[in-house]
Structures are given as structure tokens and as C-alpha cells.
Amino acid sequence: MEFRKSTKSDITKIMDIVKQAQAYFKEQNIDQWQNNYPNEEVINNDIENGESYVMLENGNIIATTVISFTKETSYENILDGKWITNGDYGVIHRIAVDNTQKGKGLSHKIIKYAEDVCRQNKVNSLKVDTHEENIPMQNLLKKNGFKYCGIIYLEDGGKRVAFEKTF
């Protein structure tokens, strides 16, 4: 397995994987990634910003994520808790694994890769937010050493639980 930055030619496959995740959330009654989000425009912006990555196996895209070092405005106000650190941090967004590849621990590998990207950028903190009903993602984060930090609200008013890991 290998990672690389996404290119415009990857958008169709990335959107296939995103649509699978959207359908899964809908089936589970989790109100995350609904209402046409993320869409092609969001993915295109991720690619243009150099923050979109794909995981490949035998040349085929099997997962996608965003690793960003842009400060999140929605992270400035955290309720019912506090961040572990206040300095520079990386952020993981939009982890999605192709349905045919689930159960192989790929999300763990994505997190480890994000940590490596942080270290390469001399950043020792990784922050993530997820929907309060997305228990599988919360469990994944806890298994990978993330600590629950509190509640944040997205710019659109969406409530999210926030996690951070330092290394």
C-alpha cells in the first residue's frame, strides 16, 4: 500500500468512495456527510490546496483523506473541555475507505500516515472532529491514541466532538 497526493484525475474515484460513505451514514441514521457534502467542488478544492491524499493498492485507489495544516476557525472555541495543545497542529478530514476494502485496518493506516506527514512538517499534534453519532470513528480515534477534548461547532452550526493526539 502506498499514499500519494490526489490529482484531478482521481476525483471520480474519490467521489465514488465518498458516495459509499454517505450511503453508509444514511443507513446508520448518522446526519454526517449528507446534503451534498462533501461534493466535487469540496474535493477539487482539497486537491488544489494540496491537502487531498489517496491510498493505493496495486495502483488502484482504495481510500481517501485530507491532511491539512490550515487553522480551523471552528476549533477556536471548544466547549465542555479544552485542546491538549495550543500550538501548530495538523487536521484529518474526510477519511473514507472503499466498501470493498473495509475491515482491513486501512483507517488505522491513514491515521499513521497523517502522523508521519505531521512529523515531516515538524508538527506534533493532530486534531480531528466527527459527528457525535459517528461511534465507529470515535472508537477508531480512541484506539489510535486520540483523547476526547470537547465539543466544537462548525461554521454551518453543526455540532461535532473533537479529539486530539500529540506525539
Protein backbone atom coordinates (compact mmCIF):
# COMPACT_ATOMS: atom_id res chain seq x y z
CA MET A 1 0.00 0.00 0.00
CA GLU A 2 1.14 3.50 -0.77
CA PHE A 3 -0.10 7.06 -0.36
CA ARG A 4 0.17 10.00 -2.69
CA LYS A 5 -1.38 13.41 -3.10
CA SER A 6 -4.59 13.32 -5.11
CA THR A 7 -4.82 14.71 -8.62
CA LYS A 8 -7.78 16.00 -10.62
CA SER A 9 -7.93 12.67 -12.45
CA ASP A 10 -8.72 10.99 -9.10
CA ILE A 11 -11.93 12.97 -8.46
CA THR A 12 -14.30 10.37 -9.96
CA LYS A 13 -12.93 7.53 -7.81
CA ILE A 14 -12.73 9.74 -4.70
CA MET A 15 -16.38 10.73 -5.22
CA ASP A 16 -17.34 7.03 -5.64
CA ILE A 17 -15.80 6.31 -2.23
CA VAL A 18 -17.40 9.42 -0.68
CA LYS A 19 -20.81 8.40 -2.02
CA GLN A 20 -20.39 4.95 -0.45
CA ALA A 21 -19.64 6.64 2.90
CA GLN A 22 -22.64 8.97 2.52
CA ALA A 23 -24.90 5.97 1.90
CA TYR A 24 -23.46 4.19 4.95
CA PHE A 25 -24.11 7.22 7.18
CA LYS A 26 -27.65 7.49 5.86
CA GLU A 27 -28.29 3.77 6.56
CA GLN A 28 -26.96 4.24 10.10
CA ASN A 29 -29.09 7.38 10.66
CA ILE A 30 -25.96 9.47 11.16
CA ASP A 31 -26.51 13.00 9.91
CA GLN A 32 -22.95 13.40 8.64
CA TRP A 33 -21.89 13.95 5.03
CA GLN A 34 -25.48 14.43 3.93
CA ASN A 35 -26.98 17.33 1.94
CA ASN A 36 -24.48 17.04 -0.94
CA TYR A 37 -21.39 17.32 1.27
CA PRO A 38 -18.64 16.67 0.52
CA ASN A 39 -19.19 17.25 -3.18
CA GLU A 40 -16.89 17.51 -6.21
CA GLU A 41 -16.24 21.19 -5.55
CA VAL A 42 -15.04 20.43 -2.00
CA ILE A 43 -12.82 17.58 -3.23
CA ASN A 44 -11.48 19.75 -6.05
CA ASN A 45 -10.58 22.47 -3.52
CA ASP A 46 -8.84 19.87 -1.32
CA ILE A 47 -6.75 18.82 -4.34
CA GLU A 48 -5.96 22.41 -5.35
CA ASN A 49 -4.86 23.15 -1.78
CA GLY A 50 -2.53 20.12 -1.84
CA GLU A 51 -4.36 18.56 1.12
CA SER A 52 -6.11 15.58 -0.51
CA TYR A 53 -4.46 12.15 -0.38
CA VAL A 54 -5.34 8.74 -1.74
CA MET A 55 -4.26 5.30 -0.60
CA LEU A 56 -3.38 2.91 -3.40
CA GLU A 57 -3.16 -0.84 -3.63
CA ASN A 58 -1.79 -2.25 -6.88
CA GLY A 59 -2.31 1.16 -8.47
CA ASN A 60 -6.00 1.34 -7.50
CA ILE A 61 -7.43 3.98 -5.17
CA ILE A 62 -8.90 2.25 -2.13
CA ALA A 63 -9.22 5.13 0.36
CA THR A 64 -9.04 8.90 0.63
CA THR A 65 -8.43 11.56 3.26
CA VAL A 66 -7.46 15.18 3.78
CA ILE A 67 -4.46 16.19 5.86
CA SER A 68 -4.39 19.93 6.44
CA PHE A 69 -2.21 22.38 8.32
CA THR A 70 -4.63 25.26 7.89
CA LYS A 71 -6.00 26.57 11.18
CA GLU A 72 -9.64 25.62 11.68
CA THR A 73 -11.74 28.61 12.74
CA SER A 74 -14.30 26.27 14.24
CA TYR A 75 -11.57 24.89 16.55
CA GLU A 76 -11.00 28.28 18.21
CA ASN A 77 -13.99 27.83 20.54
CA ILE A 78 -14.16 24.46 22.22
CA LEU A 79 -16.88 23.77 24.78
CA ASP A 80 -17.04 21.33 27.69
CA GLY A 81 -13.30 20.76 27.56
CA LYS A 82 -10.09 22.06 26.02
CA TRP A 83 -7.47 21.14 23.47
CA ILE A 84 -4.34 19.37 24.72
CA THR A 85 -2.10 21.86 22.89
CA ASN A 86 -2.44 25.40 21.60
CA GLY A 87 0.38 25.44 19.03
CA ASP A 88 0.58 24.24 15.44
CA TYR A 89 -1.46 21.19 14.51
CA GLY A 90 -2.49 19.02 11.61
CA VAL A 91 -6.10 18.11 10.92
CA ILE A 92 -7.55 14.98 9.39
CA HIS A 93 -10.76 15.43 7.40
CA ARG A 94 -12.86 13.18 5.19
CA ILE A 95 -11.43 9.72 5.85
CA ALA A 96 -13.26 7.32 3.55
CA VAL A 97 -12.47 3.73 2.60
CA ASP A 98 -13.90 1.86 -0.40
CA ASN A 99 -16.60 -0.57 0.77
CA THR A 100 -14.73 -3.50 -0.83
CA GLN A 101 -11.71 -2.73 1.39
CA LYS A 102 -13.40 -2.29 4.78
CA GLY A 103 -12.26 -4.41 7.71
CA LYS A 104 -8.60 -4.37 6.67
CA GLY A 105 -7.45 -1.68 9.10
CA LEU A 106 -6.97 0.94 6.40
CA SER A 107 -8.32 3.78 8.55
CA HIS A 108 -5.62 2.99 11.13
CA LYS A 109 -3.03 3.21 8.35
CA ILE A 110 -4.45 6.56 7.21
CA ILE A 111 -4.07 7.94 10.74
CA LYS A 112 -0.48 6.66 10.99
CA TYR A 113 0.28 8.25 7.62
CA ALA A 114 -1.22 11.55 8.80
CA GLU A 115 1.03 11.40 11.86
CA ASP A 116 4.05 10.87 9.57
CA VAL A 117 3.04 13.87 7.43
CA CYS A 118 2.77 15.94 10.62
CA ARG A 119 6.22 14.87 11.79
CA GLN A 120 7.69 15.72 8.36
CA ASN A 121 6.20 19.20 8.82
CA LYS A 122 7.58 19.44 12.39
CA VAL A 123 4.08 19.39 13.87
CA ASN A 124 3.43 17.21 16.93
CA SER A 125 -0.35 17.46 17.26
CA LEU A 126 -3.19 16.05 15.20
CA LYS A 127 -6.80 17.18 15.66
CA VAL A 128 -10.00 15.59 14.35
CA ASP A 129 -13.70 16.29 14.71
CA THR A 130 -16.56 13.95 13.95
CA HIS A 131 -20.32 13.72 14.31
CA GLU A 132 -21.43 12.82 17.83
CA GLU A 133 -23.31 9.81 16.44
CA ASN A 134 -20.34 8.52 14.43
CA ILE A 135 -19.31 5.99 17.08
CA PRO A 136 -17.13 3.89 14.71
CA MET A 137 -14.95 6.96 14.00
CA GLN A 138 -14.79 7.89 17.69
CA ASN A 139 -13.71 4.33 18.52
CA LEU A 140 -11.09 4.44 15.76
CA LEU A 141 -9.68 7.67 17.16
CA LYS A 142 -9.55 6.32 20.73
CA LYS A 143 -7.84 3.10 19.55
CA ASN A 144 -5.22 5.27 17.86
CA GLY A 145 -4.40 7.26 20.97
CA PHE A 146 -6.61 10.32 20.44
CA LYS A 147 -8.12 11.95 23.52
CA TYR A 148 -11.58 13.44 23.65
CA CYS A 149 -11.23 17.22 24.10
CA GLY A 150 -14.75 18.69 23.91
CA ILE A 151 -17.42 19.99 21.55
CA ILE A 152 -16.93 22.31 18.61
CA TYR A 153 -19.45 23.84 16.24
CA LEU A 154 -18.82 24.04 12.51
CA GLU A 155 -19.41 27.24 10.59
CA ASP A 156 -22.80 25.88 9.47
CA GLY A 157 -23.75 25.28 13.11
CA GLY A 158 -23.16 21.51 13.06
CA LYS A 159 -22.15 20.06 16.43
CA ARG A 160 -19.02 17.88 16.45
CA VAL A 161 -16.98 16.02 19.04
CA ALA A 162 -13.31 16.99 18.98
CA PHE A 163 -10.25 14.82 19.55
CA GLU A 164 -6.51 15.45 19.64
CA LYS A 165 -3.38 13.32 19.71
CA THR A 166 0.14 14.50 20.47
CA PHE A 167 3.33 12.65 19.55
